[in-house]
Structures are given as structure tokens and as C-alpha cells.
Amino acid sequence: MTDVQLPGEVAGELDDGFEAPEPEQVTLRWTEKYRGLWITMVRSREAHLRMAARVQLLSDDDEITAEDAKIILDLFDSFASHLVDWNVKIKGKPVPATSEGIARLDDTFVMDLIMSWLGTVTGGGAEAGTALAVMEEAAGERLATSIPVTPLGD
């Protein structure tokens, strides 16, 4: 017999629903190229896998194709939706951790952040290993020269 009961079976208890736990967050702190930079992201294996698959679709051409542009915009949007906080500034003024804030930044810098975030997939399990393997295969040398970061809070 299980301890599951149908709504209304327990006398005197209200069926207010179950409050799910908040998503786990991870803070990445750069130790070399962007020394002092930190970002806090919502940890999401699903987002990592989706973004890794999108990176794999980027063309190998030096020129950005129309399809590449769509993929990059999708990556930026997904990154922004998982970005909680950071300490990025432009001319001494904080840049909001939003899509609008990201749009104000250099694209190469943002791609470095995205690739570093994807490269620090942690939490174990086959999905995490798969995402990292896909990223290494898709990015090739880009990950080999990615920015060293240290995940905090694990």
C-alpha cells in the first residue's frame, strides 16, 4: 500500500497543491582571462542539452549564415533566461542580468560566457556527460581554449 491519497481524502486538510523546490543555482567565477568576473546561473541539464545541440548545428564557415544567426540568438536568449546575477559593468555602471543587458555586450564576450557555462556541466549522470561530450565535439578547439572557471556552491 502506498502513502498516496486522492485530494480531499484527508479530513481537515486543504488541497493547496505542492510547492516545488526552487531550481538549483550555480555560480561560476573566472580565474584567468576575465579574472574577477562571476555569474550565477540556474542549473538546468535540459537547457545545457538543448544549447549543446544548437551549437552543434553552427556551420564551420568563417562567415555567419542566416541559420547561424538564428542559432546564436537562440543561445543568447536561453543564456539570458537562465542568468540570475553577475557583476558585469560597462564604464563603471552595472549591466542588468537580462536579455537587454546582454544585448549591450560584445558578442564574442557573451559567447565566451555561454561556452564556459556549457563547459562546466556538473551534477553527474549520463546527461551531464553527454552534454559535455557534445560540446567538445561541436566546439572542437573552442572548448580546448575556453576560459577556466570554477563552479561554486557545489
C-alpha atoms as a PDB file:
ATOM      1  CA  MET A   1       0.000   0.000   0.000  1.00  0.00           C
ATOM      2  CA  THR A   2       1.274   3.481  -0.807  1.00  0.00           C
ATOM      3  CA  ASP A   3       1.009   6.688   1.182  1.00  0.00           C
ATOM      4  CA  VAL A   4      -0.623   8.456  -1.779  1.00  0.00           C
ATOM      5  CA  GLN A   5      -4.148   9.648  -1.209  1.00  0.00           C
ATOM      6  CA  LEU A   6      -6.573  11.324  -3.541  1.00  0.00           C
ATOM      7  CA  PRO A   7      -7.357  15.021  -2.934  1.00  0.00           C
ATOM      8  CA  GLY A   8      -9.929  15.526  -0.212  1.00  0.00           C
ATOM      9  CA  GLU A   9      -9.311  12.139   1.419  1.00  0.00           C
ATOM     10  CA  VAL A  10      -7.538  13.616   4.431  1.00  0.00           C
ATOM     11  CA  ALA A  11     -10.094  15.229   6.685  1.00  0.00           C
ATOM     12  CA  GLY A  12      -9.390  18.861   7.519  1.00  0.00           C
ATOM     13  CA  GLU A  13      -6.524  19.302   5.009  1.00  0.00           C
ATOM     14  CA  LEU A  14      -6.827  21.746   2.163  1.00  0.00           C
ATOM     15  CA  ASP A  15      -5.766  20.818  -1.340  1.00  0.00           C
ATOM     16  CA  ASP A  16      -3.457  23.811  -1.892  1.00  0.00           C
ATOM     17  CA  GLY A  17      -1.065  21.928  -4.141  1.00  0.00           C
ATOM     18  CA  PHE A  18       2.565  21.095  -3.643  1.00  0.00           C
ATOM     19  CA  GLU A  19       5.226  23.803  -3.647  1.00  0.00           C
ATOM     20  CA  ALA A  20       8.132  22.541  -5.770  1.00  0.00           C
ATOM     21  CA  PRO A  21      11.686  23.330  -4.657  1.00  0.00           C
ATOM     22  CA  GLU A  22      13.435  26.288  -6.257  1.00  0.00           C
ATOM     23  CA  PRO A  23      15.747  25.377  -9.137  1.00  0.00           C
ATOM     24  CA  GLU A  24      19.360  24.876  -8.100  1.00  0.00           C
ATOM     25  CA  GLN A  25      21.792  27.664  -8.962  1.00  0.00           C
ATOM     26  CA  VAL A  26      25.496  27.561  -9.726  1.00  0.00           C
ATOM     27  CA  THR A  27      27.966  30.457  -9.563  1.00  0.00           C
ATOM     28  CA  LEU A  28      30.918  30.484 -11.936  1.00  0.00           C
ATOM     29  CA  ARG A  29      33.973  32.594 -11.111  1.00  0.00           C
ATOM     30  CA  TRP A  30      36.630  33.299 -13.743  1.00  0.00           C
ATOM     31  CA  THR A  31      40.242  32.913 -12.689  1.00  0.00           C
ATOM     32  CA  GLU A  32      42.186  33.935 -15.786  1.00  0.00           C
ATOM     33  CA  LYS A  33      41.077  35.874 -18.894  1.00  0.00           C
ATOM     34  CA  TYR A  34      38.120  37.576 -17.195  1.00  0.00           C
ATOM     35  CA  ARG A  35      39.572  37.416 -13.691  1.00  0.00           C
ATOM     36  CA  GLY A  36      37.092  38.676 -11.104  1.00  0.00           C
ATOM     37  CA  LEU A  37      34.024  38.040 -13.254  1.00  0.00           C
ATOM     38  CA  TRP A  38      31.307  35.876 -11.732  1.00  0.00           C
ATOM     39  CA  ILE A  39      27.906  34.806 -12.982  1.00  0.00           C
ATOM     40  CA  THR A  40      25.110  32.939 -11.230  1.00  0.00           C
ATOM     41  CA  MET A  41      23.007  30.669 -13.409  1.00  0.00           C
ATOM     42  CA  VAL A  42      20.022  28.411 -12.877  1.00  0.00           C
ATOM     43  CA  ARG A  43      21.324  24.884 -13.283  1.00  0.00           C
ATOM     44  CA  SER A  44      19.377  23.109 -15.998  1.00  0.00           C
ATOM     45  CA  ARG A  45      20.500  19.932 -17.713  1.00  0.00           C
ATOM     46  CA  GLU A  46      17.708  20.381 -20.242  1.00  0.00           C
ATOM     47  CA  ALA A  47      18.995  23.849 -21.168  1.00  0.00           C
ATOM     48  CA  HIS A  48      22.557  22.513 -21.443  1.00  0.00           C
ATOM     49  CA  LEU A  49      21.467  19.710 -23.742  1.00  0.00           C
ATOM     50  CA  ARG A  50      19.332  21.979 -25.918  1.00  0.00           C
ATOM     51  CA  MET A  51      22.068  24.593 -26.171  1.00  0.00           C
ATOM     52  CA  ALA A  52      24.725  21.959 -26.881  1.00  0.00           C
ATOM     53  CA  ALA A  53      22.588  20.592 -29.701  1.00  0.00           C
ATOM     54  CA  ARG A  54      22.164  24.115 -31.106  1.00  0.00           C
ATOM     55  CA  VAL A  55      25.936  24.755 -31.010  1.00  0.00           C
ATOM     56  CA  GLN A  56      26.449  21.542 -32.968  1.00  0.00           C
ATOM     57  CA  LEU A  57      24.290  22.979 -35.770  1.00  0.00           C
ATOM     58  CA  LEU A  58      26.538  26.015 -36.280  1.00  0.00           C
ATOM     59  CA  SER A  59      28.273  25.991 -39.642  1.00  0.00           C
ATOM     60  CA  ASP A  60      32.025  25.656 -39.934  1.00  0.00           C
ATOM     61  CA  ASP A  61      32.200  28.638 -42.299  1.00  0.00           C
ATOM     62  CA  ASP A  62      34.073  31.772 -41.310  1.00  0.00           C
ATOM     63  CA  GLU A  63      31.017  33.750 -42.393  1.00  0.00           C
ATOM     64  CA  ILE A  64      27.909  33.710 -40.220  1.00  0.00           C
ATOM     65  CA  THR A  65      24.983  32.307 -42.170  1.00  0.00           C
ATOM     66  CA  ALA A  66      21.350  33.270 -41.612  1.00  0.00           C
ATOM     67  CA  GLU A  67      20.829  29.947 -39.838  1.00  0.00           C
ATOM     68  CA  ASP A  68      23.898  30.586 -37.647  1.00  0.00           C
ATOM     69  CA  ALA A  69      22.444  33.964 -36.679  1.00  0.00           C
ATOM     70  CA  LYS A  70      19.180  32.314 -35.577  1.00  0.00           C
ATOM     71  CA  ILE A  71      21.087  29.726 -33.549  1.00  0.00           C
ATOM     72  CA  ILE A  72      23.264  32.363 -31.880  1.00  0.00           C
ATOM     73  CA  LEU A  73      20.210  34.455 -30.984  1.00  0.00           C
ATOM     74  CA  ASP A  74      18.574  31.316 -29.522  1.00  0.00           C
ATOM     75  CA  LEU A  75      21.731  30.661 -27.473  1.00  0.00           C
ATOM     76  CA  PHE A  76      21.750  34.258 -26.192  1.00  0.00           C
ATOM     77  CA  ASP A  77      18.046  34.027 -25.268  1.00  0.00           C
ATOM     78  CA  SER A  78      18.476  30.716 -23.450  1.00  0.00           C
ATOM     79  CA  PHE A  79      21.543  32.020 -21.619  1.00  0.00           C
ATOM     80  CA  ALA A  80      19.616  35.149 -20.586  1.00  0.00           C
ATOM     81  CA  SER A  81      16.669  33.095 -19.331  1.00  0.00           C
ATOM     82  CA  HIS A  82      18.983  31.115 -17.015  1.00  0.00           C
ATOM     83  CA  LEU A  83      21.130  34.061 -15.906  1.00  0.00           C
ATOM     84  CA  VAL A  84      20.317  35.048 -12.318  1.00  0.00           C
ATOM     85  CA  ASP A  85      23.018  37.594 -11.485  1.00  0.00           C
ATOM     86  CA  TRP A  86      26.510  38.759 -12.435  1.00  0.00           C
ATOM     87  CA  ASN A  87      28.998  41.522 -11.757  1.00  0.00           C
ATOM     88  CA  VAL A  88      29.374  42.830 -15.333  1.00  0.00           C
ATOM     89  CA  LYS A  89      29.814  46.579 -15.764  1.00  0.00           C
ATOM     90  CA  ILE A  90      30.226  48.976 -18.679  1.00  0.00           C
ATOM     91  CA  LYS A  91      32.110  52.171 -17.845  1.00  0.00           C
ATOM     92  CA  GLY A  92      31.604  51.513 -14.131  1.00  0.00           C
ATOM     93  CA  LYS A  93      27.826  51.018 -14.377  1.00  0.00           C
ATOM     94  CA  PRO A  94      26.244  47.618 -13.699  1.00  0.00           C
ATOM     95  CA  VAL A  95      24.813  45.810 -16.713  1.00  0.00           C
ATOM     96  CA  PRO A  96      21.471  44.192 -15.880  1.00  0.00           C
ATOM     97  CA  ALA A  97      21.460  40.381 -15.976  1.00  0.00           C
ATOM     98  CA  THR A  98      18.737  40.429 -18.646  1.00  0.00           C
ATOM     99  CA  SER A  99      18.370  39.958 -22.396  1.00  0.00           C
ATOM    100  CA  GLU A 100      18.583  43.727 -22.762  1.00  0.00           C
ATOM    101  CA  GLY A 101      21.797  43.830 -20.734  1.00  0.00           C
ATOM    102  CA  ILE A 102      23.314  41.008 -22.753  1.00  0.00           C
ATOM    103  CA  ALA A 103      22.438  42.826 -25.988  1.00  0.00           C
ATOM    104  CA  ARG A 104      24.672  45.726 -24.878  1.00  0.00           C
ATOM    105  CA  LEU A 105      27.740  43.476 -24.627  1.00  0.00           C
ATOM    106  CA  ASP A 106      30.312  42.323 -27.167  1.00  0.00           C
ATOM    107  CA  ASP A 107      29.082  39.158 -28.908  1.00  0.00           C
ATOM    108  CA  THR A 108      32.425  37.362 -28.522  1.00  0.00           C
ATOM    109  CA  PHE A 109      32.399  38.049 -24.770  1.00  0.00           C
ATOM    110  CA  VAL A 110      28.848  36.690 -24.462  1.00  0.00           C
ATOM    111  CA  MET A 111      29.750  33.583 -26.494  1.00  0.00           C
ATOM    112  CA  ASP A 112      32.750  33.046 -24.183  1.00  0.00           C
ATOM    113  CA  LEU A 113      30.371  33.139 -21.205  1.00  0.00           C
ATOM    114  CA  ILE A 114      27.927  30.764 -22.872  1.00  0.00           C
ATOM    115  CA  MET A 115      30.633  28.287 -23.876  1.00  0.00           C
ATOM    116  CA  SER A 116      32.147  28.394 -20.385  1.00  0.00           C
ATOM    117  CA  TRP A 117      28.743  27.825 -18.791  1.00  0.00           C
ATOM    118  CA  LEU A 118      28.079  24.878 -21.080  1.00  0.00           C
ATOM    119  CA  GLY A 119      31.567  23.542 -20.439  1.00  0.00           C
ATOM    120  CA  THR A 120      31.001  23.369 -16.699  1.00  0.00           C
ATOM    121  CA  VAL A 121      28.103  20.937 -16.792  1.00  0.00           C
ATOM    122  CA  THR A 122      28.156  19.321 -13.370  1.00  0.00           C
ATOM    123  CA  GLY A 123      25.858  17.263 -11.236  1.00  0.00           C
ATOM    124  CA  GLY A 124      26.785  13.829 -12.566  1.00  0.00           C
ATOM    125  CA  GLY A 125      24.687  11.430 -14.530  1.00  0.00           C
ATOM    126  CA  ALA A 126      24.801  10.413 -18.162  1.00  0.00           C
ATOM    127  CA  GLU A 127      23.018  13.535 -19.366  1.00  0.00           C
ATOM    128  CA  ALA A 128      25.721  15.821 -17.973  1.00  0.00           C
ATOM    129  CA  GLY A 129      28.461  13.718 -19.523  1.00  0.00           C
ATOM    130  CA  THR A 130      26.594  13.623 -22.818  1.00  0.00           C
ATOM    131  CA  ALA A 131      26.187  17.404 -22.872  1.00  0.00           C
ATOM    132  CA  LEU A 132      29.878  17.903 -22.230  1.00  0.00           C
ATOM    133  CA  ALA A 133      30.854  15.357 -24.898  1.00  0.00           C
ATOM    134  CA  VAL A 134      28.525  17.028 -27.415  1.00  0.00           C
ATOM    135  CA  MET A 135      30.023  20.418 -26.594  1.00  0.00           C
ATOM    136  CA  GLU A 136      33.582  19.129 -27.006  1.00  0.00           C
ATOM    137  CA  GLU A 137      32.695  17.523 -30.315  1.00  0.00           C
ATOM    138  CA  ALA A 138      30.762  20.560 -31.563  1.00  0.00           C
ATOM    139  CA  ALA A 139      33.198  23.196 -30.389  1.00  0.00           C
ATOM    140  CA  GLY A 140      36.446  21.347 -31.084  1.00  0.00           C
ATOM    141  CA  GLU A 141      39.321  23.681 -30.306  1.00  0.00           C
ATOM    142  CA  ARG A 142      36.995  26.362 -28.949  1.00  0.00           C
ATOM    143  CA  LEU A 143      36.460  24.405 -25.742  1.00  0.00           C
ATOM    144  CA  ALA A 144      40.095  23.427 -25.509  1.00  0.00           C
ATOM    145  CA  THR A 145      40.920  27.122 -25.280  1.00  0.00           C
ATOM    146  CA  SER A 146      37.865  28.104 -23.259  1.00  0.00           C
ATOM    147  CA  ILE A 147      38.068  30.288 -20.205  1.00  0.00           C
ATOM    148  CA  PRO A 148      38.982  28.446 -16.992  1.00  0.00           C
ATOM    149  CA  VAL A 149      36.163  28.833 -14.488  1.00  0.00           C
ATOM    150  CA  THR A 150      35.487  27.446 -11.050  1.00  0.00           C
ATOM    151  CA  PRO A 151      31.942  26.350 -10.207  1.00  0.00           C
ATOM    152  CA  LEU A 152      30.968  27.463  -6.713  1.00  0.00           C
ATOM    153  CA  GLY A 153      28.227  26.232  -4.454  1.00  0.00           C
ATOM    154  CA  ASP A 154      28.528  22.545  -5.278  1.00  0.00           C
END
